[in-house]
Amino acid sequence: MSGPDTAPTAGTVATPQPEAWLRGPVEGVPPLLMPVAHALIQAGEELQEAVEGLSVEETWARPGGAASIAFHLRHIVGSLDRLLTYARGEQLDPTQRDALRREREERVPAATASELALQVDGAIVRTIAVLRHTADAALLEPRAVGRLGLPTTVLGLLGHAAEHTRRHTGQVIATARILRGTRTS
């Protein structure tokens, strides 16, 4: 899922790959869910690059009171799990609700950005596995979200999983740039 786009050899310059959506179909993913898979793959790759070299302090920093990179990475993992739960037609269990409450808490010892990005990669791999096993006929099946039972569909939940992941990926990228720009020599 992650890693450099291409590995340069001695004396050559790496040529970046096109974005995930321009690389063709993802094996086993139904065509109607391909945009979801592509968005998740792109997010995973961009996250790995964005967090490379960040210190533990930077990972948990809240510049200007903004959410930390750690929060965004933990939230991506948790939200993908929760959205897949709803897509299966289930409600959150107590463990998931507790994890949601704890996403903003700092942990001791605090995880590194790279460790958290690996957790995101695992969540993306699990989500793409679900996409591979989602039949077209199931996409418009109604689903209920949260305690209020807000209406959506399987497709709505899977589409939101991609959109939500991309939104938090953008926050990680922006926050990482800010933190790198404020480093002291």
C-alpha atoms as a PDB file:
ATOM      1  CA  MET A   1       0.000   0.000   0.000  1.00  0.00           C
ATOM      2  CA  SER A   2       2.643   2.495   1.005  1.00  0.00           C
ATOM      3  CA  GLY A   3       6.195   3.235   0.159  1.00  0.00           C
ATOM      4  CA  PRO A   4       8.040   5.156  -2.504  1.00  0.00           C
ATOM      5  CA  ASP A   5       6.455   5.382  -5.933  1.00  0.00           C
ATOM      6  CA  THR A   6       9.542   4.081  -7.627  1.00  0.00           C
ATOM      7  CA  ALA A   7      12.950   3.137  -6.308  1.00  0.00           C
ATOM      8  CA  PRO A   8      15.737   5.027  -8.075  1.00  0.00           C
ATOM      9  CA  THR A   9      18.861   3.165  -8.982  1.00  0.00           C
ATOM     10  CA  ALA A  10      22.310   4.695  -8.745  1.00  0.00           C
ATOM     11  CA  GLY A  11      22.585   7.670 -11.074  1.00  0.00           C
ATOM     12  CA  THR A  12      18.882   7.858 -11.935  1.00  0.00           C
ATOM     13  CA  VAL A  13      16.038  10.067 -10.831  1.00  0.00           C
ATOM     14  CA  ALA A  14      12.813   8.485  -9.613  1.00  0.00           C
ATOM     15  CA  THR A  15       9.778   9.019 -11.811  1.00  0.00           C
ATOM     16  CA  PRO A  16       6.671   9.317  -9.682  1.00  0.00           C
ATOM     17  CA  GLN A  17       3.725   7.099 -10.515  1.00  0.00           C
ATOM     18  CA  PRO A  18       0.477   8.673 -11.593  1.00  0.00           C
ATOM     19  CA  GLU A  19      -2.213   9.039  -8.952  1.00  0.00           C
ATOM     20  CA  ALA A  20      -3.939   5.802  -7.968  1.00  0.00           C
ATOM     21  CA  TRP A  21      -7.049   6.467 -10.064  1.00  0.00           C
ATOM     22  CA  LEU A  22      -4.866   6.694 -13.195  1.00  0.00           C
ATOM     23  CA  ARG A  23      -3.137   3.347 -12.624  1.00  0.00           C
ATOM     24  CA  GLY A  24      -6.057   1.195 -13.703  1.00  0.00           C
ATOM     25  CA  PRO A  25      -8.428  -1.092 -11.835  1.00  0.00           C
ATOM     26  CA  VAL A  26      -7.664  -2.480  -8.402  1.00  0.00           C
ATOM     27  CA  GLU A  27      -7.774  -6.252  -8.684  1.00  0.00           C
ATOM     28  CA  GLY A  28     -11.046  -7.746  -7.482  1.00  0.00           C
ATOM     29  CA  VAL A  29     -12.778  -4.454  -6.705  1.00  0.00           C
ATOM     30  CA  PRO A  30     -16.144  -4.048  -8.471  1.00  0.00           C
ATOM     31  CA  PRO A  31     -16.152  -1.178 -10.997  1.00  0.00           C
ATOM     32  CA  LEU A  32     -18.773   0.811  -9.078  1.00  0.00           C
ATOM     33  CA  LEU A  33     -16.514   0.814  -5.997  1.00  0.00           C
ATOM     34  CA  MET A  34     -13.275   1.567  -7.861  1.00  0.00           C
ATOM     35  CA  PRO A  35     -13.331   5.298  -6.937  1.00  0.00           C
ATOM     36  CA  VAL A  36     -13.515   4.316  -3.265  1.00  0.00           C
ATOM     37  CA  ALA A  37     -10.522   1.975  -3.600  1.00  0.00           C
ATOM     38  CA  HIS A  38      -8.501   4.519  -5.558  1.00  0.00           C
ATOM     39  CA  ALA A  39      -9.168   7.282  -3.027  1.00  0.00           C
ATOM     40  CA  LEU A  40      -8.139   5.041  -0.123  1.00  0.00           C
ATOM     41  CA  ILE A  41      -4.960   3.875  -1.863  1.00  0.00           C
ATOM     42  CA  GLN A  42      -4.023   7.463  -2.709  1.00  0.00           C
ATOM     43  CA  ALA A  43      -4.644   8.538   0.885  1.00  0.00           C
ATOM     44  CA  GLY A  44      -2.424   5.763   2.244  1.00  0.00           C
ATOM     45  CA  GLU A  45       0.434   6.724  -0.044  1.00  0.00           C
ATOM     46  CA  GLU A  46       0.125  10.438   0.694  1.00  0.00           C
ATOM     47  CA  LEU A  47      -0.002   9.817   4.435  1.00  0.00           C
ATOM     48  CA  GLN A  48       3.187   7.766   4.396  1.00  0.00           C
ATOM     49  CA  GLU A  49       4.993  10.552   2.567  1.00  0.00           C
ATOM     50  CA  ALA A  50       3.525  13.321   4.750  1.00  0.00           C
ATOM     51  CA  VAL A  51       4.566  11.793   8.069  1.00  0.00           C
ATOM     52  CA  GLU A  52       8.022  10.633   7.068  1.00  0.00           C
ATOM     53  CA  GLY A  53      10.615  11.927   9.485  1.00  0.00           C
ATOM     54  CA  LEU A  54       8.225  13.517  11.977  1.00  0.00           C
ATOM     55  CA  SER A  55       9.231  13.273  15.610  1.00  0.00           C
ATOM     56  CA  VAL A  56       6.937  11.958  18.328  1.00  0.00           C
ATOM     57  CA  GLU A  57       6.582  15.533  19.588  1.00  0.00           C
ATOM     58  CA  GLU A  58       5.529  16.749  16.127  1.00  0.00           C
ATOM     59  CA  THR A  59       3.099  13.840  15.752  1.00  0.00           C
ATOM     60  CA  TRP A  60       1.250  14.891  18.901  1.00  0.00           C
ATOM     61  CA  ALA A  61       1.697  18.687  18.536  1.00  0.00           C
ATOM     62  CA  ARG A  62      -1.393  20.870  18.166  1.00  0.00           C
ATOM     63  CA  PRO A  63      -0.166  23.939  16.246  1.00  0.00           C
ATOM     64  CA  GLY A  64      -2.480  26.866  16.877  1.00  0.00           C
ATOM     65  CA  GLY A  65      -4.822  24.529  18.762  1.00  0.00           C
ATOM     66  CA  ALA A  66      -5.498  22.395  15.662  1.00  0.00           C
ATOM     67  CA  ALA A  67      -5.950  18.663  16.010  1.00  0.00           C
ATOM     68  CA  SER A  68      -2.721  16.685  16.089  1.00  0.00           C
ATOM     69  CA  ILE A  69      -1.484  14.463  13.296  1.00  0.00           C
ATOM     70  CA  ALA A  70      -1.877  11.591  15.760  1.00  0.00           C
ATOM     71  CA  PHE A  71      -5.571  12.417  16.153  1.00  0.00           C
ATOM     72  CA  HIS A  72      -6.170  12.438  12.396  1.00  0.00           C
ATOM     73  CA  LEU A  73      -4.364   9.135  11.865  1.00  0.00           C
ATOM     74  CA  ARG A  74      -6.147   7.454  14.771  1.00  0.00           C
ATOM     75  CA  HIS A  75      -9.465   8.891  13.606  1.00  0.00           C
ATOM     76  CA  ILE A  76      -9.005   7.500  10.082  1.00  0.00           C
ATOM     77  CA  VAL A  77      -8.477   4.014  11.519  1.00  0.00           C
ATOM     78  CA  GLY A  78     -11.455   4.288  13.846  1.00  0.00           C
ATOM     79  CA  SER A  79     -13.810   5.879  11.338  1.00  0.00           C
ATOM     80  CA  LEU A  80     -13.101   3.231   8.701  1.00  0.00           C
ATOM     81  CA  ASP A  81     -13.910   0.548  11.284  1.00  0.00           C
ATOM     82  CA  ARG A  82     -17.114   2.315  12.321  1.00  0.00           C
ATOM     83  CA  LEU A  83     -18.294   2.970   8.764  1.00  0.00           C
ATOM     84  CA  LEU A  84     -17.708  -0.666   7.798  1.00  0.00           C
ATOM     85  CA  THR A  85     -19.726  -1.712  10.851  1.00  0.00           C
ATOM     86  CA  TYR A  86     -22.649   0.406   9.661  1.00  0.00           C
ATOM     87  CA  ALA A  87     -22.201  -0.898   6.091  1.00  0.00           C
ATOM     88  CA  ARG A  88     -22.677  -4.443   7.451  1.00  0.00           C
ATOM     89  CA  GLY A  89     -25.966  -3.282   8.940  1.00  0.00           C
ATOM     90  CA  GLU A  90     -24.677  -3.379  12.516  1.00  0.00           C
ATOM     91  CA  GLN A  91     -24.446  -0.753  15.234  1.00  0.00           C
ATOM     92  CA  LEU A  92     -21.313   0.153  17.160  1.00  0.00           C
ATOM     93  CA  ASP A  93     -20.380  -2.010  20.083  1.00  0.00           C
ATOM     94  CA  PRO A  94     -19.165  -0.595  23.425  1.00  0.00           C
ATOM     95  CA  THR A  95     -15.518  -1.089  22.453  1.00  0.00           C
ATOM     96  CA  GLN A  96     -15.970   0.996  19.292  1.00  0.00           C
ATOM     97  CA  ARG A  97     -17.809   3.748  21.168  1.00  0.00           C
ATOM     98  CA  ASP A  98     -15.057   3.841  23.783  1.00  0.00           C
ATOM     99  CA  ALA A  99     -12.365   3.975  21.076  1.00  0.00           C
ATOM    100  CA  LEU A 100     -14.170   6.947  19.501  1.00  0.00           C
ATOM    101  CA  ARG A 101     -14.089   8.821  22.818  1.00  0.00           C
ATOM    102  CA  ARG A 102     -10.371   8.092  23.237  1.00  0.00           C
ATOM    103  CA  GLU A 103      -9.202   9.176  19.756  1.00  0.00           C
ATOM    104  CA  ARG A 104      -8.133  12.626  20.974  1.00  0.00           C
ATOM    105  CA  GLU A 105      -6.334  11.385  24.081  1.00  0.00           C
ATOM    106  CA  GLU A 106      -2.582  11.264  24.157  1.00  0.00           C
ATOM    107  CA  ARG A 107      -1.061   7.907  24.850  1.00  0.00           C
ATOM    108  CA  VAL A 108       1.950   7.162  26.972  1.00  0.00           C
ATOM    109  CA  PRO A 109       4.204   6.159  25.442  1.00  0.00           C
ATOM    110  CA  ALA A 110       2.995   8.160  22.463  1.00  0.00           C
ATOM    111  CA  ALA A 111       3.062   6.401  19.122  1.00  0.00           C
ATOM    112  CA  THR A 112       5.136   7.759  16.262  1.00  0.00           C
ATOM    113  CA  ALA A 113       3.544   9.037  13.070  1.00  0.00           C
ATOM    114  CA  SER A 114       5.050   6.112  11.182  1.00  0.00           C
ATOM    115  CA  GLU A 115       3.524   3.612  13.614  1.00  0.00           C
ATOM    116  CA  LEU A 116       0.125   5.274  13.295  1.00  0.00           C
ATOM    117  CA  ALA A 117       0.418   5.446   9.497  1.00  0.00           C
ATOM    118  CA  LEU A 118       0.992   1.682   9.472  1.00  0.00           C
ATOM    119  CA  GLN A 119      -2.272   1.285  11.380  1.00  0.00           C
ATOM    120  CA  VAL A 120      -3.967   3.392   8.704  1.00  0.00           C
ATOM    121  CA  ASP A 121      -2.480   1.126   6.029  1.00  0.00           C
ATOM    122  CA  GLY A 122      -3.982  -1.887   7.797  1.00  0.00           C
ATOM    123  CA  ALA A 123      -7.398  -0.205   7.970  1.00  0.00           C
ATOM    124  CA  ILE A 124      -7.207   0.627   4.264  1.00  0.00           C
ATOM    125  CA  VAL A 125      -6.271  -2.950   3.383  1.00  0.00           C
ATOM    126  CA  ARG A 126      -9.235  -4.229   5.436  1.00  0.00           C
ATOM    127  CA  THR A 127     -11.573  -1.739   3.767  1.00  0.00           C
ATOM    128  CA  ILE A 128     -10.454  -2.706   0.267  1.00  0.00           C
ATOM    129  CA  ALA A 129     -11.021  -6.371   1.195  1.00  0.00           C
ATOM    130  CA  VAL A 130     -14.605  -5.432   2.089  1.00  0.00           C
ATOM    131  CA  LEU A 131     -14.985  -3.642  -1.247  1.00  0.00           C
ATOM    132  CA  ARG A 132     -13.880  -6.805  -3.046  1.00  0.00           C
ATOM    133  CA  HIS A 133     -16.676  -8.746  -1.366  1.00  0.00           C
ATOM    134  CA  THR A 134     -19.437  -6.168  -1.805  1.00  0.00           C
ATOM    135  CA  ALA A 135     -21.889  -7.124  -4.527  1.00  0.00           C
ATOM    136  CA  ASP A 136     -23.358  -4.425  -6.764  1.00  0.00           C
ATOM    137  CA  ALA A 137     -26.823  -5.567  -5.671  1.00  0.00           C
ATOM    138  CA  ALA A 138     -25.999  -4.614  -2.063  1.00  0.00           C
ATOM    139  CA  LEU A 139     -24.929  -1.034  -2.798  1.00  0.00           C
ATOM    140  CA  LEU A 140     -28.372   0.527  -2.524  1.00  0.00           C
ATOM    141  CA  GLU A 141     -29.438  -1.460   0.529  1.00  0.00           C
ATOM    142  CA  PRO A 142     -30.578   0.913   3.280  1.00  0.00           C
ATOM    143  CA  ARG A 143     -28.468   1.333   6.372  1.00  0.00           C
ATOM    144  CA  ALA A 144     -28.862   3.286   9.617  1.00  0.00           C
ATOM    145  CA  VAL A 145     -26.087   5.330  11.208  1.00  0.00           C
ATOM    146  CA  GLY A 146     -25.653   6.025  14.888  1.00  0.00           C
ATOM    147  CA  ARG A 147     -28.066   6.078  17.760  1.00  0.00           C
ATOM    148  CA  LEU A 148     -30.461   8.250  15.755  1.00  0.00           C
ATOM    149  CA  GLY A 149     -30.517   5.704  12.934  1.00  0.00           C
ATOM    150  CA  LEU A 150     -29.815   8.325  10.259  1.00  0.00           C
ATOM    151  CA  PRO A 151     -30.601   6.918   6.816  1.00  0.00           C
ATOM    152  CA  THR A 152     -28.028   6.051   4.177  1.00  0.00           C
ATOM    153  CA  THR A 153     -27.051   3.123   1.958  1.00  0.00           C
ATOM    154  CA  VAL A 154     -24.098   0.743   1.729  1.00  0.00           C
ATOM    155  CA  LEU A 155     -22.803   2.867  -1.165  1.00  0.00           C
ATOM    156  CA  GLY A 156     -23.254   6.045   0.863  1.00  0.00           C
ATOM    157  CA  LEU A 157     -21.215   4.599   3.712  1.00  0.00           C
ATOM    158  CA  LEU A 158     -18.422   3.305   1.480  1.00  0.00           C
ATOM    159  CA  GLY A 159     -18.297   6.580  -0.447  1.00  0.00           C
ATOM    160  CA  HIS A 160     -18.163   8.500   2.813  1.00  0.00           C
ATOM    161  CA  ALA A 161     -15.347   6.240   4.046  1.00  0.00           C
ATOM    162  CA  ALA A 162     -13.239   7.384   1.093  1.00  0.00           C
ATOM    163  CA  GLU A 163     -14.233  11.052   1.351  1.00  0.00           C
ATOM    164  CA  HIS A 164     -13.714  11.172   5.117  1.00  0.00           C
ATOM    165  CA  THR A 165     -10.299   9.509   4.825  1.00  0.00           C
ATOM    166  CA  ARG A 166      -9.233  11.983   2.122  1.00  0.00           C
ATOM    167  CA  ARG A 167     -10.397  14.933   4.244  1.00  0.00           C
ATOM    168  CA  HIS A 168      -8.294  13.842   7.216  1.00  0.00           C
ATOM    169  CA  THR A 169      -5.376  13.022   4.919  1.00  0.00           C
ATOM    170  CA  GLY A 170      -5.420  16.645   3.775  1.00  0.00           C
ATOM    171  CA  GLN A 171      -5.341  17.779   7.394  1.00  0.00           C
ATOM    172  CA  VAL A 172      -2.315  15.564   8.089  1.00  0.00           C
ATOM    173  CA  ILE A 173      -0.496  16.929   5.038  1.00  0.00           C
ATOM    174  CA  ALA A 174      -1.216  20.561   5.964  1.00  0.00           C
ATOM    175  CA  THR A 175      -0.297  20.098   9.624  1.00  0.00           C
ATOM    176  CA  ALA A 176       2.937  18.286   8.730  1.00  0.00           C
ATOM    177  CA  ARG A 177       3.921  21.162   6.426  1.00  0.00           C
ATOM    178  CA  ILE A 178       3.227  23.695   9.165  1.00  0.00           C
ATOM    179  CA  LEU A 179       5.263  21.721  11.685  1.00  0.00           C
ATOM    180  CA  ARG A 180       8.201  21.321   9.292  1.00  0.00           C
ATOM    181  CA  GLY A 181       8.049  25.039   8.507  1.00  0.00           C
ATOM    182  CA  THR A 182       8.294  25.976  12.181  1.00  0.00           C
ATOM    183  CA  ARG A 183      11.260  23.758  13.040  1.00  0.00           C
ATOM    184  CA  THR A 184      14.200  25.523  14.600  1.00  0.00           C
ATOM    185  CA  SER A 185      17.667  24.754  13.358  1.00  0.00           C
END
